[in-house]
Amino acid sequence: MPKGYIIGHIKVTDPEGYPEYVRRDTPILQSLGAKFIVRGGQHQVAEGDSGDRHVVIEFPSYAAALAAYNDPEYQEVADIRRRCAESVIIVVEGHGE
């Protein structure tokens, strides 16, 4: 079964408030099967426009990724991100072909 991913491109607008989101979202998502593949770090935009922070979170399946994103506890914490950053969040099914 293909894995599922949540991919985030984030522009932090409140650097003092954003760490609370990271602190609180991590245990929730991990309890829902998340494995953080990319979280911040050095990057270079080769084409197009992008935020200043990039996140890739792996889940056992696409359904698990969607369920994690839509989880009420996560959505409550996601409001912190929405206040502290501009985000593009994508839920995608992974295929290696």
N, C-alpha and C. Protein backbone atom coordinates (compact mmCIF):
# COMPACT_ATOMS: atom_id res chain seq x y z
N MET A 1 0.84 -1.18 0.00
CA MET A 1 0.00 0.00 0.00
C MET A 1 0.89 1.24 0.00
N PRO A 2 0.59 2.21 -0.86
CA PRO A 2 1.38 3.44 -0.90
C PRO A 2 1.25 4.23 0.41
N LYS A 3 2.32 4.87 0.77
CA LYS A 3 2.32 5.72 1.96
C LYS A 3 1.63 7.04 1.64
N GLY A 4 1.27 7.75 2.68
CA GLY A 4 0.69 9.08 2.54
C GLY A 4 1.62 10.11 3.14
N TYR A 5 1.53 11.32 2.65
CA TYR A 5 2.42 12.39 3.10
C TYR A 5 1.62 13.67 3.31
N ILE A 6 2.02 14.40 4.32
CA ILE A 6 1.59 15.79 4.46
C ILE A 6 2.83 16.62 4.15
N ILE A 7 2.69 17.53 3.20
CA ILE A 7 3.78 18.40 2.79
C ILE A 7 3.36 19.83 3.08
N GLY A 8 4.21 20.55 3.79
CA GLY A 8 3.91 21.93 4.13
C GLY A 8 4.99 22.87 3.64
N HIS A 9 4.57 23.97 3.05
CA HIS A 9 5.46 25.07 2.68
C HIS A 9 4.98 26.27 3.50
N ILE A 10 5.83 26.75 4.35
CA ILE A 10 5.39 27.67 5.40
C ILE A 10 6.26 28.92 5.41
N LYS A 11 5.60 30.06 5.53
CA LYS A 11 6.29 31.34 5.74
C LYS A 11 5.89 31.82 7.13
N VAL A 12 6.81 31.73 8.06
CA VAL A 12 6.54 32.12 9.45
C VAL A 12 6.43 33.64 9.53
N THR A 13 5.32 34.11 10.07
CA THR A 13 5.09 35.55 10.23
C THR A 13 5.21 35.98 11.69
N ASP A 14 5.14 35.03 12.62
CA ASP A 14 5.30 35.31 14.05
C ASP A 14 6.30 34.31 14.62
N PRO A 15 7.60 34.63 14.53
CA PRO A 15 8.62 33.68 14.98
C PRO A 15 8.59 33.40 16.48
N GLU A 16 7.98 34.27 17.26
CA GLU A 16 7.88 34.00 18.70
C GLU A 16 6.74 33.05 19.02
N GLY A 17 5.67 33.08 18.24
CA GLY A 17 4.51 32.22 18.49
C GLY A 17 4.60 30.86 17.83
N TYR A 18 5.31 30.76 16.71
CA TYR A 18 5.35 29.52 15.92
C TYR A 18 5.91 28.31 16.69
N PRO A 19 6.94 28.46 17.52
CA PRO A 19 7.47 27.29 18.23
C PRO A 19 6.43 26.54 19.08
N GLU A 20 5.42 27.24 19.56
CA GLU A 20 4.37 26.55 20.32
C GLU A 20 3.64 25.56 19.42
N TYR A 21 3.39 25.93 18.17
CA TYR A 21 2.76 25.01 17.23
C TYR A 21 3.62 23.76 17.05
N VAL A 22 4.91 23.94 16.82
CA VAL A 22 5.81 22.80 16.61
C VAL A 22 5.83 21.91 17.86
N ARG A 23 5.90 22.52 19.02
CA ARG A 23 5.95 21.76 20.27
C ARG A 23 4.67 20.93 20.46
N ARG A 24 3.53 21.51 20.11
CA ARG A 24 2.26 20.84 20.37
C ARG A 24 1.81 19.91 19.25
N ASP A 25 2.18 20.20 18.00
CA ASP A 25 1.71 19.33 16.91
C ASP A 25 2.47 18.02 16.85
N THR A 26 3.74 18.02 17.24
CA THR A 26 4.59 16.84 17.12
C THR A 26 4.01 15.61 17.83
N PRO A 27 3.69 15.68 19.11
CA PRO A 27 3.19 14.47 19.76
C PRO A 27 1.84 14.02 19.21
N ILE A 28 1.00 14.96 18.81
CA ILE A 28 -0.30 14.59 18.24
C ILE A 28 -0.10 13.81 16.96
N LEU A 29 0.67 14.36 16.04
CA LEU A 29 0.87 13.70 14.75
C LEU A 29 1.62 12.37 14.91
N GLN A 30 2.60 12.32 15.79
CA GLN A 30 3.31 11.06 16.01
C GLN A 30 2.38 9.99 16.56
N SER A 31 1.45 10.36 17.40
CA SER A 31 0.50 9.38 17.94
C SER A 31 -0.44 8.88 16.85
N LEU A 32 -0.53 9.61 15.73
CA LEU A 32 -1.38 9.22 14.61
C LEU A 32 -0.57 8.55 13.50
N GLY A 33 0.68 8.20 13.79
CA GLY A 33 1.49 7.44 12.84
C GLY A 33 2.49 8.24 12.04
N ALA A 34 2.69 9.50 12.38
CA ALA A 34 3.59 10.37 11.62
C ALA A 34 5.05 10.03 11.84
N LYS A 35 5.80 10.15 10.75
CA LYS A 35 7.26 10.11 10.79
C LYS A 35 7.73 11.38 10.07
N PHE A 36 8.41 12.25 10.79
CA PHE A 36 8.87 13.50 10.20
C PHE A 36 10.11 13.22 9.35
N ILE A 37 10.00 13.45 8.05
CA ILE A 37 11.09 13.21 7.09
C ILE A 37 11.91 14.49 6.91
N VAL A 38 11.23 15.61 6.74
CA VAL A 38 11.87 16.92 6.57
C VAL A 38 11.15 17.88 7.50
N ARG A 39 11.92 18.66 8.23
CA ARG A 39 11.31 19.66 9.11
C ARG A 39 12.26 20.83 9.21
N GLY A 40 12.02 21.84 8.38
CA GLY A 40 12.92 22.99 8.37
C GLY A 40 14.22 22.64 7.67
N GLY A 41 15.27 23.26 8.08
CA GLY A 41 16.58 22.97 7.51
C GLY A 41 16.91 23.83 6.31
N GLN A 42 18.13 23.70 5.90
CA GLN A 42 18.66 24.47 4.78
C GLN A 42 17.91 24.09 3.50
N HIS A 43 17.63 25.07 2.66
CA HIS A 43 16.98 24.80 1.38
C HIS A 43 17.32 25.88 0.37
N GLN A 44 17.08 25.55 -0.87
CA GLN A 44 17.24 26.51 -1.96
C GLN A 44 16.08 26.32 -2.91
N VAL A 45 15.37 27.38 -3.22
CA VAL A 45 14.26 27.32 -4.17
C VAL A 45 14.87 27.38 -5.57
N ALA A 46 14.76 26.29 -6.30
CA ALA A 46 15.34 26.22 -7.64
C ALA A 46 14.42 26.85 -8.68
N GLU A 47 13.10 26.78 -8.46
CA GLU A 47 12.13 27.39 -9.37
C GLU A 47 10.90 27.81 -8.60
N GLY A 48 10.29 28.91 -8.98
CA GLY A 48 9.05 29.35 -8.36
C GLY A 48 9.24 30.06 -7.03
N ASP A 49 8.12 30.23 -6.33
CA ASP A 49 8.10 30.89 -5.03
C ASP A 49 7.82 29.87 -3.95
N SER A 50 8.34 30.11 -2.77
CA SER A 50 8.13 29.17 -1.69
C SER A 50 8.28 29.88 -0.35
N GLY A 51 7.85 29.21 0.71
CA GLY A 51 8.00 29.75 2.05
C GLY A 51 9.43 29.60 2.54
N ASP A 52 9.63 29.87 3.83
CA ASP A 52 10.97 29.78 4.40
C ASP A 52 11.16 28.51 5.23
N ARG A 53 10.13 27.68 5.30
CA ARG A 53 10.18 26.45 6.08
C ARG A 53 9.43 25.37 5.31
N HIS A 54 9.99 24.19 5.27
CA HIS A 54 9.38 23.09 4.51
C HIS A 54 9.32 21.85 5.40
N VAL A 55 8.20 21.14 5.29
CA VAL A 55 7.96 19.98 6.14
C VAL A 55 7.41 18.85 5.28
N VAL A 56 7.93 17.65 5.47
CA VAL A 56 7.39 16.44 4.84
C VAL A 56 7.19 15.44 5.96
N ILE A 57 5.94 14.98 6.11
CA ILE A 57 5.58 14.03 7.16
C ILE A 57 5.02 12.79 6.49
N GLU A 58 5.59 11.64 6.82
CA GLU A 58 5.17 10.38 6.22
C GLU A 58 4.19 9.65 7.13
N PHE A 59 3.19 9.02 6.53
CA PHE A 59 2.20 8.21 7.23
C PHE A 59 2.10 6.84 6.55
N PRO A 60 1.58 5.86 7.25
CA PRO A 60 1.49 4.52 6.67
C PRO A 60 0.63 4.44 5.39
N SER A 61 -0.30 5.38 5.23
CA SER A 61 -1.18 5.38 4.06
C SER A 61 -1.71 6.78 3.81
N TYR A 62 -2.30 6.98 2.64
CA TYR A 62 -2.94 8.25 2.29
C TYR A 62 -4.10 8.51 3.25
N ALA A 63 -4.89 7.46 3.54
CA ALA A 63 -6.02 7.61 4.46
C ALA A 63 -5.54 8.04 5.85
N ALA A 64 -4.43 7.50 6.30
CA ALA A 64 -3.88 7.88 7.61
C ALA A 64 -3.43 9.33 7.61
N ALA A 65 -2.83 9.79 6.50
CA ALA A 65 -2.40 11.19 6.40
C ALA A 65 -3.59 12.14 6.44
N LEU A 66 -4.64 11.80 5.68
CA LEU A 66 -5.86 12.62 5.69
C LEU A 66 -6.50 12.64 7.07
N ALA A 67 -6.57 11.47 7.70
CA ALA A 67 -7.17 11.39 9.03
C ALA A 67 -6.38 12.22 10.04
N ALA A 68 -5.06 12.20 9.95
CA ALA A 68 -4.23 12.99 10.86
C ALA A 68 -4.47 14.48 10.65
N TYR A 69 -4.49 14.91 9.38
CA TYR A 69 -4.72 16.33 9.11
C TYR A 69 -6.08 16.78 9.64
N ASN A 70 -7.09 15.94 9.48
CA ASN A 70 -8.45 16.28 9.88
C ASN A 70 -8.76 15.98 11.34
N ASP A 71 -7.82 15.41 12.06
CA ASP A 71 -8.03 15.08 13.46
C ASP A 71 -8.38 16.35 14.25
N PRO A 72 -9.46 16.32 15.04
CA PRO A 72 -9.87 17.52 15.77
C PRO A 72 -8.80 18.08 16.71
N GLU A 73 -8.05 17.21 17.37
CA GLU A 73 -6.99 17.70 18.26
C GLU A 73 -5.90 18.41 17.47
N TYR A 74 -5.53 17.83 16.31
CA TYR A 74 -4.53 18.50 15.47
C TYR A 74 -5.07 19.82 14.95
N GLN A 75 -6.32 19.84 14.49
CA GLN A 75 -6.89 21.06 13.93
C GLN A 75 -6.92 22.20 14.95
N GLU A 76 -7.13 21.85 16.21
CA GLU A 76 -7.09 22.87 17.27
C GLU A 76 -5.71 23.50 17.35
N VAL A 77 -4.67 22.66 17.28
CA VAL A 77 -3.29 23.17 17.33
C VAL A 77 -2.92 23.86 16.02
N ALA A 78 -3.47 23.40 14.91
CA ALA A 78 -3.19 24.03 13.61
C ALA A 78 -3.62 25.49 13.58
N ASP A 79 -4.58 25.85 14.41
CA ASP A 79 -4.97 27.26 14.49
C ASP A 79 -3.81 28.14 14.93
N ILE A 80 -2.90 27.60 15.74
CA ILE A 80 -1.71 28.36 16.13
C ILE A 80 -0.87 28.64 14.88
N ARG A 81 -0.67 27.61 14.05
CA ARG A 81 0.10 27.80 12.80
C ARG A 81 -0.57 28.84 11.93
N ARG A 82 -1.88 28.76 11.81
CA ARG A 82 -2.61 29.71 10.96
C ARG A 82 -2.46 31.15 11.43
N ARG A 83 -2.32 31.33 12.75
CA ARG A 83 -2.11 32.68 13.30
C ARG A 83 -0.67 33.15 13.11
N CYS A 84 0.27 32.21 13.09
CA CYS A 84 1.69 32.56 13.13
C CYS A 84 2.42 32.38 11.80
N ALA A 85 1.70 31.92 10.78
CA ALA A 85 2.38 31.64 9.50
C ALA A 85 1.37 31.63 8.35
N GLU A 86 1.91 31.84 7.17
CA GLU A 86 1.16 31.60 5.93
C GLU A 86 1.60 30.22 5.44
N SER A 87 0.63 29.35 5.15
CA SER A 87 0.99 27.97 4.85
C SER A 87 0.28 27.45 3.62
N VAL A 88 0.97 26.59 2.90
CA VAL A 88 0.36 25.72 1.90
C VAL A 88 0.57 24.31 2.41
N ILE A 89 -0.52 23.60 2.65
CA ILE A 89 -0.47 22.24 3.19
C ILE A 89 -1.08 21.31 2.14
N ILE A 90 -0.35 20.28 1.78
CA ILE A 90 -0.79 19.33 0.76
C ILE A 90 -0.78 17.94 1.37
N VAL A 91 -1.85 17.18 1.15
CA VAL A 91 -1.88 15.77 1.54
C VAL A 91 -1.82 14.97 0.24
N VAL A 92 -0.83 14.08 0.15
CA VAL A 92 -0.59 13.39 -1.12
C VAL A 92 -0.32 11.90 -0.88
N GLU A 93 -0.76 11.09 -1.83
CA GLU A 93 -0.43 9.66 -1.81
C GLU A 93 0.89 9.46 -2.53
N GLY A 94 1.79 8.73 -1.92
CA GLY A 94 3.11 8.53 -2.50
C GLY A 94 3.18 7.33 -3.41
N HIS A 95 3.77 7.50 -4.57
CA HIS A 95 4.02 6.41 -5.51
C HIS A 95 5.45 6.55 -6.00
N GLY A 96 6.16 5.46 -6.03
CA GLY A 96 7.55 5.51 -6.45
C GLY A 96 7.77 5.33 -7.93
N GLU A 97 6.71 5.00 -8.68
CA GLU A 97 6.91 4.78 -10.12
C GLU A 97 7.01 6.10 -10.84
